[in-house]
Protein backbone atom coordinates (compact mmCIF):
# COMPACT_ATOMS: atom_id res chain seq x y z
CA MET A 1 -39.62 -47.69 30.72
CA GLU A 2 -35.88 -47.43 31.29
CA PHE A 3 -34.15 -47.36 34.68
CA HIS A 4 -32.29 -44.12 35.23
CA ALA A 5 -31.06 -43.86 38.82
CA VAL A 6 -31.66 -44.37 42.49
CA ARG A 7 -32.13 -40.94 44.01
CA LEU A 8 -31.22 -40.73 47.70
CA LEU A 9 -33.31 -38.15 49.51
CA VAL A 10 -30.95 -36.48 51.97
CA ASN A 11 -31.35 -34.10 54.88
CA ASP A 12 -27.90 -32.46 54.55
CA PHE A 13 -27.16 -32.10 50.85
CA GLN A 14 -23.67 -30.56 51.20
CA LYS A 15 -22.53 -33.20 53.69
CA SER A 16 -23.81 -36.01 51.46
CA LEU A 17 -22.32 -34.42 48.33
CA SER A 18 -18.96 -34.13 50.06
CA PHE A 19 -19.10 -37.77 51.17
CA TYR A 20 -19.91 -39.24 47.76
CA ARG A 21 -17.65 -36.83 45.83
CA ASP A 22 -14.69 -36.26 48.14
CA VAL A 23 -14.58 -39.41 50.27
CA LEU A 24 -15.78 -42.06 47.79
CA GLY A 25 -14.37 -40.21 44.76
CA PHE A 26 -17.50 -40.28 42.58
CA SER A 27 -17.52 -37.79 39.70
CA GLU A 28 -20.70 -35.75 39.57
CA TRP A 29 -22.74 -32.95 38.15
CA HIS A 30 -24.44 -30.90 40.84
CA ASN A 31 -26.53 -27.79 41.40
CA ASP A 32 -26.24 -26.18 44.83
CA GLU A 33 -29.39 -24.07 44.41
CA GLN A 34 -31.56 -27.07 43.58
CA GLU A 35 -29.60 -29.25 46.04
CA TYR A 36 -29.25 -31.99 43.43
CA ALA A 37 -26.27 -34.10 42.35
CA TYR A 38 -26.01 -36.90 39.82
CA PHE A 39 -23.25 -39.50 39.69
CA GLU A 40 -23.76 -40.91 36.20
CA LYS A 41 -21.35 -43.84 36.36
CA GLN A 42 -22.98 -45.14 39.55
CA GLN A 43 -26.54 -44.25 38.46
CA LEU A 44 -26.95 -42.53 41.80
CA ALA A 45 -28.39 -39.12 42.55
CA LEU A 46 -28.68 -37.03 45.70
CA PHE A 47 -31.58 -34.65 46.24
CA SER A 48 -32.61 -32.55 49.21
CA HIS A 49 -35.48 -34.13 51.08
CA LEU A 50 -36.99 -30.68 51.69
CA LYS A 51 -36.92 -29.87 47.96
CA ILE A 52 -38.56 -33.14 46.84
CA ARG A 53 -41.28 -32.79 49.48
CA ASP A 54 -42.47 -29.68 47.65
CA VAL A 55 -42.44 -31.50 44.29
CA ILE A 56 -44.30 -34.64 45.38
CA GLY A 57 -46.48 -32.95 48.00
CA GLU A 58 -45.24 -35.05 50.91
CA GLU A 59 -46.31 -33.60 54.24
CA GLN A 60 -43.89 -33.11 57.12
CA PRO A 61 -44.20 -36.40 59.02
CA THR A 62 -44.27 -36.35 62.79
CA ASN A 63 -41.95 -39.40 62.86
CA GLU A 64 -38.74 -39.25 60.78
CA ALA A 65 -38.99 -43.00 60.15
CA PHE A 66 -41.80 -42.22 57.69
CA TYR A 67 -39.68 -39.90 55.51
CA SER A 68 -39.05 -41.15 52.01
CA LYS A 69 -35.37 -42.10 51.98
CA PHE A 70 -34.94 -42.71 48.26
CA LEU A 71 -36.72 -42.39 44.96
CA LEU A 72 -36.54 -44.78 42.00
CA GLN A 73 -36.40 -42.83 38.76
CA PHE A 74 -37.50 -44.20 35.38
CA GLU A 75 -37.35 -42.40 32.04
CA VAL A 76 -40.39 -42.84 29.78
CA ASP A 77 -41.13 -41.60 26.28
CA ASN A 78 -44.26 -39.72 27.32
CA VAL A 79 -45.19 -39.06 30.96
CA ASP A 80 -48.84 -38.27 30.20
CA GLU A 81 -49.44 -41.42 28.15
CA THR A 82 -47.68 -43.59 30.74
CA TYR A 83 -49.70 -41.93 33.51
CA ARG A 84 -53.01 -42.61 31.72
CA GLY A 85 -52.04 -46.22 31.03
CA LEU A 86 -51.17 -46.85 34.66
CA VAL A 87 -54.29 -45.09 35.95
CA ASN A 88 -56.30 -47.46 33.74
CA LYS A 89 -54.55 -50.33 35.55
CA GLY A 90 -55.66 -48.94 38.92
CA VAL A 91 -52.42 -47.22 39.95
CA ARG A 92 -52.91 -44.29 42.32
CA PHE A 93 -50.51 -41.37 41.92
CA ILE A 94 -49.12 -38.91 44.46
CA ASN A 95 -49.49 -36.02 42.02
CA LEU A 96 -50.49 -35.24 38.44
CA PRO A 97 -48.00 -35.01 35.55
CA HIS A 98 -46.32 -31.62 35.65
CA ASP A 99 -43.32 -29.79 34.25
CA GLN A 100 -40.26 -29.18 36.39
CA VAL A 101 -38.83 -26.50 34.13
CA GLY A 102 -35.68 -26.05 36.23
CA TRP A 103 -34.91 -29.73 35.70
CA GLY A 104 -35.89 -29.71 32.03
CA SER A 105 -38.30 -32.56 32.74
CA ARG A 106 -41.95 -33.52 32.90
CA VAL A 107 -42.61 -35.74 35.92
CA VAL A 108 -45.22 -37.65 37.87
CA HIS A 109 -44.85 -39.57 41.15
CA LEU A 110 -46.39 -42.70 42.60
CA ARG A 111 -45.64 -45.17 45.38
CA ASP A 112 -45.08 -48.89 45.03
CA PRO A 113 -47.01 -51.29 47.31
CA GLU A 114 -44.35 -50.85 50.03
CA GLY A 115 -44.62 -47.06 49.92
CA ASN A 116 -41.39 -46.38 48.00
CA VAL A 117 -41.52 -43.27 45.79
CA ILE A 118 -41.20 -43.77 42.02
CA GLU A 119 -40.68 -40.88 39.61
CA LEU A 120 -41.54 -41.23 35.93
CA TYR A 121 -39.94 -38.51 33.82
CA GLN A 122 -39.35 -37.39 30.28
CA ILE A 123 -36.90 -34.78 29.08
CA LEU A 124 -38.66 -31.66 27.87
CA LYS A 125 -37.86 -30.61 24.36
CA LYS A 126 -36.41 -27.12 24.12
CA GLU A 127 -38.46 -24.61 22.16
CA LYS A 128 -36.64 -22.99 19.25
CA GLY A 129 -36.57 -19.29 19.95
């Protein structure tokens, strides 16, 4: 497992993007439609909290203090094999491994003992057409 990035889950994507890009001067790749930005040098990503809720299946909490504020992201060779190995160790997952085609990734999500969200992902191989 290799550390990839800390992903901050933000309520106002454009405001956060502007802060990290324009105020702090971080260089980034971003996608306005997906509300995602990645600052490679800093290993920091921004992602819309509303968008990730749909991916991980997090319900709308009644108290904002219970929102996930960040997500630790780790790249693995094979999401399904890693998932099975961790299930065998008693790890409970938020969702099942699934493709996020728009991201070009296969992902699965779990929480650590403190409730922090962890994403395991692998890059999907492109089919030759």
